[in-house]
Amino acid sequence: MTQEVIRGSERLAWLVLRAVNRAQAKDSTVRLVAPRDPDIVDELGRELGLGPTEEELVAAEEYLLEQGYIAPTGLGVTMDIYTVTLAGLDWLERDLT
Protein backbone atom coordinates (compact mmCIF):
# COMPACT_ATOMS: atom_id res chain seq x y z
CA MET A 1 0.00 0.00 0.00
CA THR A 2 2.74 2.50 0.91
CA GLN A 3 4.56 1.83 -2.37
CA GLU A 4 1.35 2.63 -4.28
CA VAL A 5 0.98 5.94 -2.42
CA ILE A 6 4.59 6.84 -3.21
CA ARG A 7 4.14 5.98 -6.89
CA GLY A 8 0.93 8.03 -7.01
CA SER A 9 2.67 11.03 -5.41
CA GLU A 10 5.61 10.67 -7.77
CA ARG A 11 3.28 10.53 -10.76
CA LEU A 12 1.38 13.64 -9.64
CA ALA A 13 4.69 15.46 -9.06
CA TRP A 14 5.79 14.53 -12.60
CA LEU A 15 2.47 15.76 -14.00
CA VAL A 16 2.80 19.03 -12.06
CA LEU A 17 6.35 19.51 -13.32
CA ARG A 18 5.28 18.77 -16.89
CA ALA A 19 2.40 21.25 -16.61
CA VAL A 20 4.53 24.09 -15.23
CA ASN A 21 7.23 23.37 -17.78
CA ARG A 22 4.75 23.40 -20.64
CA ALA A 23 2.80 26.47 -19.49
CA GLN A 24 5.44 28.60 -17.78
CA ALA A 25 9.03 27.34 -18.09
CA LYS A 26 8.95 26.28 -21.74
CA ASP A 27 12.00 23.99 -21.35
CA SER A 28 14.04 26.67 -19.61
CA THR A 29 15.74 26.84 -16.22
CA VAL A 30 15.49 30.65 -16.34
CA ARG A 31 11.70 31.09 -16.39
CA LEU A 32 9.72 31.27 -13.17
CA VAL A 33 7.12 28.61 -12.31
CA ALA A 34 4.37 28.34 -9.71
CA PRO A 35 3.07 24.78 -9.26
CA ARG A 36 -0.07 25.98 -7.46
CA ASP A 37 -0.95 28.62 -10.06
CA PRO A 38 -4.69 28.39 -10.92
CA ASP A 39 -3.91 27.80 -14.61
CA ILE A 40 -1.72 24.82 -13.69
CA VAL A 41 -4.40 23.42 -11.37
CA ASP A 42 -6.98 23.81 -14.17
CA GLU A 43 -4.71 22.02 -16.65
CA LEU A 44 -4.16 19.16 -14.20
CA GLY A 45 -7.91 18.97 -13.62
CA ARG A 46 -8.56 18.65 -17.35
CA GLU A 47 -5.90 15.97 -17.69
CA LEU A 48 -6.82 13.97 -14.61
CA GLY A 49 -10.57 14.47 -14.79
CA LEU A 50 -10.53 15.87 -11.25
CA GLY A 51 -8.17 18.55 -10.04
CA PRO A 52 -5.66 17.69 -7.31
CA THR A 53 -6.40 18.82 -3.77
CA GLU A 54 -4.34 21.51 -2.08
CA GLU A 55 -2.70 18.81 0.04
CA GLU A 56 -1.76 16.80 -3.06
CA LEU A 57 -0.28 19.89 -4.71
CA VAL A 58 1.74 20.73 -1.60
CA ALA A 59 3.00 17.14 -1.44
CA ALA A 60 3.94 17.22 -5.15
CA GLU A 61 5.73 20.55 -4.68
CA GLU A 62 7.64 19.18 -1.68
CA TYR A 63 8.61 16.07 -3.66
CA LEU A 64 9.91 18.21 -6.54
CA LEU A 65 11.94 20.31 -4.10
CA GLU A 66 13.35 17.29 -2.23
CA GLN A 67 14.43 15.65 -5.48
CA GLY A 68 16.01 18.86 -6.77
CA TYR A 69 13.66 19.12 -9.75
CA ILE A 70 12.67 22.68 -8.87
CA ALA A 71 14.58 25.35 -6.95
CA PRO A 72 13.16 28.23 -4.91
CA THR A 73 13.69 31.77 -6.13
CA GLY A 74 12.61 33.77 -3.07
CA LEU A 75 10.45 35.94 -5.33
CA GLY A 76 7.07 34.64 -4.18
CA VAL A 77 4.69 37.17 -2.70
CA THR A 78 1.41 35.30 -2.56
CA MET A 79 2.66 31.86 -3.62
CA ASP A 80 5.99 30.10 -3.84
CA ILE A 81 7.87 30.72 -7.09
CA TYR A 82 10.49 28.31 -8.44
CA THR A 83 12.63 27.55 -11.43
CA VAL A 84 12.83 24.15 -13.07
CA THR A 85 16.32 22.70 -12.64
CA LEU A 86 18.32 20.72 -15.19
CA ALA A 87 17.54 17.62 -13.12
CA GLY A 88 13.85 18.45 -13.47
CA LEU A 89 14.11 18.80 -17.24
CA ASP A 90 15.98 15.48 -17.37
CA TRP A 91 13.27 13.81 -15.27
CA LEU A 92 10.60 15.05 -17.68
CA GLU A 93 12.41 13.39 -20.56
CA ARG A 94 12.25 9.99 -18.86
CA ASP A 95 9.21 7.78 -19.22
CA LEU A 96 7.41 7.35 -15.88
CA THR A 97 5.94 3.99 -16.82
C-alpha atoms as a PDB file:
ATOM      1  CA  MET A   1       0.000   0.000   0.000  1.00  0.00           C
ATOM      2  CA  THR A   2       2.736   2.498   0.914  1.00  0.00           C
ATOM      3  CA  GLN A   3       4.558   1.831  -2.368  1.00  0.00           C
ATOM      4  CA  GLU A   4       1.349   2.634  -4.285  1.00  0.00           C
ATOM      5  CA  VAL A   5       0.980   5.945  -2.422  1.00  0.00           C
ATOM      6  CA  ILE A   6       4.593   6.844  -3.208  1.00  0.00           C
ATOM      7  CA  ARG A   7       4.144   5.980  -6.895  1.00  0.00           C
ATOM      8  CA  GLY A   8       0.933   8.031  -7.009  1.00  0.00           C
ATOM      9  CA  SER A   9       2.668  11.025  -5.412  1.00  0.00           C
ATOM     10  CA  GLU A  10       5.611  10.666  -7.766  1.00  0.00           C
ATOM     11  CA  ARG A  11       3.276  10.526 -10.762  1.00  0.00           C
ATOM     12  CA  LEU A  12       1.382  13.642  -9.638  1.00  0.00           C
ATOM     13  CA  ALA A  13       4.688  15.461  -9.057  1.00  0.00           C
ATOM     14  CA  TRP A  14       5.787  14.528 -12.595  1.00  0.00           C
ATOM     15  CA  LEU A  15       2.471  15.761 -14.005  1.00  0.00           C
ATOM     16  CA  VAL A  16       2.798  19.030 -12.057  1.00  0.00           C
ATOM     17  CA  LEU A  17       6.350  19.511 -13.317  1.00  0.00           C
ATOM     18  CA  ARG A  18       5.282  18.773 -16.885  1.00  0.00           C
ATOM     19  CA  ALA A  19       2.396  21.249 -16.607  1.00  0.00           C
ATOM     20  CA  VAL A  20       4.532  24.088 -15.226  1.00  0.00           C
ATOM     21  CA  ASN A  21       7.226  23.370 -17.781  1.00  0.00           C
ATOM     22  CA  ARG A  22       4.753  23.404 -20.645  1.00  0.00           C
ATOM     23  CA  ALA A  23       2.797  26.471 -19.488  1.00  0.00           C
ATOM     24  CA  GLN A  24       5.439  28.597 -17.777  1.00  0.00           C
ATOM     25  CA  ALA A  25       9.027  27.338 -18.093  1.00  0.00           C
ATOM     26  CA  LYS A  26       8.952  26.277 -21.745  1.00  0.00           C
ATOM     27  CA  ASP A  27      12.005  23.989 -21.354  1.00  0.00           C
ATOM     28  CA  SER A  28      14.039  26.669 -19.605  1.00  0.00           C
ATOM     29  CA  THR A  29      15.744  26.841 -16.216  1.00  0.00           C
ATOM     30  CA  VAL A  30      15.489  30.649 -16.344  1.00  0.00           C
ATOM     31  CA  ARG A  31      11.697  31.086 -16.388  1.00  0.00           C
ATOM     32  CA  LEU A  32       9.715  31.271 -13.169  1.00  0.00           C
ATOM     33  CA  VAL A  33       7.121  28.614 -12.313  1.00  0.00           C
ATOM     34  CA  ALA A  34       4.369  28.344  -9.710  1.00  0.00           C
ATOM     35  CA  PRO A  35       3.069  24.775  -9.264  1.00  0.00           C
ATOM     36  CA  ARG A  36      -0.071  25.981  -7.458  1.00  0.00           C
ATOM     37  CA  ASP A  37      -0.946  28.620 -10.061  1.00  0.00           C
ATOM     38  CA  PRO A  38      -4.690  28.388 -10.918  1.00  0.00           C
ATOM     39  CA  ASP A  39      -3.907  27.798 -14.614  1.00  0.00           C
ATOM     40  CA  ILE A  40      -1.724  24.815 -13.686  1.00  0.00           C
ATOM     41  CA  VAL A  41      -4.404  23.423 -11.373  1.00  0.00           C
ATOM     42  CA  ASP A  42      -6.982  23.814 -14.171  1.00  0.00           C
ATOM     43  CA  GLU A  43      -4.706  22.017 -16.646  1.00  0.00           C
ATOM     44  CA  LEU A  44      -4.165  19.158 -14.199  1.00  0.00           C
ATOM     45  CA  GLY A  45      -7.912  18.966 -13.623  1.00  0.00           C
ATOM     46  CA  ARG A  46      -8.562  18.654 -17.351  1.00  0.00           C
ATOM     47  CA  GLU A  47      -5.901  15.968 -17.688  1.00  0.00           C
ATOM     48  CA  LEU A  48      -6.816  13.967 -14.606  1.00  0.00           C
ATOM     49  CA  GLY A  49     -10.569  14.473 -14.791  1.00  0.00           C
ATOM     50  CA  LEU A  50     -10.530  15.873 -11.251  1.00  0.00           C
ATOM     51  CA  GLY A  51      -8.166  18.549 -10.043  1.00  0.00           C
ATOM     52  CA  PRO A  52      -5.660  17.693  -7.312  1.00  0.00           C
ATOM     53  CA  THR A  53      -6.402  18.816  -3.771  1.00  0.00           C
ATOM     54  CA  GLU A  54      -4.337  21.515  -2.075  1.00  0.00           C
ATOM     55  CA  GLU A  55      -2.696  18.807   0.040  1.00  0.00           C
ATOM     56  CA  GLU A  56      -1.764  16.802  -3.057  1.00  0.00           C
ATOM     57  CA  LEU A  57      -0.285  19.888  -4.705  1.00  0.00           C
ATOM     58  CA  VAL A  58       1.740  20.729  -1.599  1.00  0.00           C
ATOM     59  CA  ALA A  59       3.004  17.136  -1.436  1.00  0.00           C
ATOM     60  CA  ALA A  60       3.938  17.225  -5.146  1.00  0.00           C
ATOM     61  CA  GLU A  61       5.730  20.551  -4.685  1.00  0.00           C
ATOM     62  CA  GLU A  62       7.639  19.175  -1.676  1.00  0.00           C
ATOM     63  CA  TYR A  63       8.610  16.069  -3.656  1.00  0.00           C
ATOM     64  CA  LEU A  64       9.909  18.207  -6.539  1.00  0.00           C
ATOM     65  CA  LEU A  65      11.941  20.309  -4.096  1.00  0.00           C
ATOM     66  CA  GLU A  66      13.349  17.289  -2.232  1.00  0.00           C
ATOM     67  CA  GLN A  67      14.427  15.645  -5.485  1.00  0.00           C
ATOM     68  CA  GLY A  68      16.005  18.860  -6.769  1.00  0.00           C
ATOM     69  CA  TYR A  69      13.658  19.120  -9.753  1.00  0.00           C
ATOM     70  CA  ILE A  70      12.669  22.681  -8.866  1.00  0.00           C
ATOM     71  CA  ALA A  71      14.585  25.349  -6.951  1.00  0.00           C
ATOM     72  CA  PRO A  72      13.158  28.227  -4.908  1.00  0.00           C
ATOM     73  CA  THR A  73      13.688  31.772  -6.131  1.00  0.00           C
ATOM     74  CA  GLY A  74      12.608  33.768  -3.072  1.00  0.00           C
ATOM     75  CA  LEU A  75      10.445  35.936  -5.333  1.00  0.00           C
ATOM     76  CA  GLY A  76       7.066  34.641  -4.181  1.00  0.00           C
ATOM     77  CA  VAL A  77       4.694  37.172  -2.702  1.00  0.00           C
ATOM     78  CA  THR A  78       1.406  35.302  -2.561  1.00  0.00           C
ATOM     79  CA  MET A  79       2.656  31.860  -3.615  1.00  0.00           C
ATOM     80  CA  ASP A  80       5.985  30.104  -3.844  1.00  0.00           C
ATOM     81  CA  ILE A  81       7.873  30.722  -7.089  1.00  0.00           C
ATOM     82  CA  TYR A  82      10.494  28.311  -8.435  1.00  0.00           C
ATOM     83  CA  THR A  83      12.631  27.551 -11.431  1.00  0.00           C
ATOM     84  CA  VAL A  84      12.833  24.151 -13.066  1.00  0.00           C
ATOM     85  CA  THR A  85      16.322  22.695 -12.644  1.00  0.00           C
ATOM     86  CA  LEU A  86      18.317  20.725 -15.192  1.00  0.00           C
ATOM     87  CA  ALA A  87      17.539  17.621 -13.117  1.00  0.00           C
ATOM     88  CA  GLY A  88      13.845  18.449 -13.470  1.00  0.00           C
ATOM     89  CA  LEU A  89      14.113  18.804 -17.235  1.00  0.00           C
ATOM     90  CA  ASP A  90      15.983  15.482 -17.372  1.00  0.00           C
ATOM     91  CA  TRP A  91      13.266  13.808 -15.273  1.00  0.00           C
ATOM     92  CA  LEU A  92      10.599  15.048 -17.679  1.00  0.00           C
ATOM     93  CA  GLU A  93      12.415  13.390 -20.562  1.00  0.00           C
ATOM     94  CA  ARG A  94      12.255   9.992 -18.859  1.00  0.00           C
ATOM     95  CA  ASP A  95       9.206   7.782 -19.217  1.00  0.00           C
ATOM     96  CA  LEU A  96       7.406   7.347 -15.879  1.00  0.00           C
ATOM     97  CA  THR A  97       5.945   3.988 -16.815  1.00  0.00           C
END
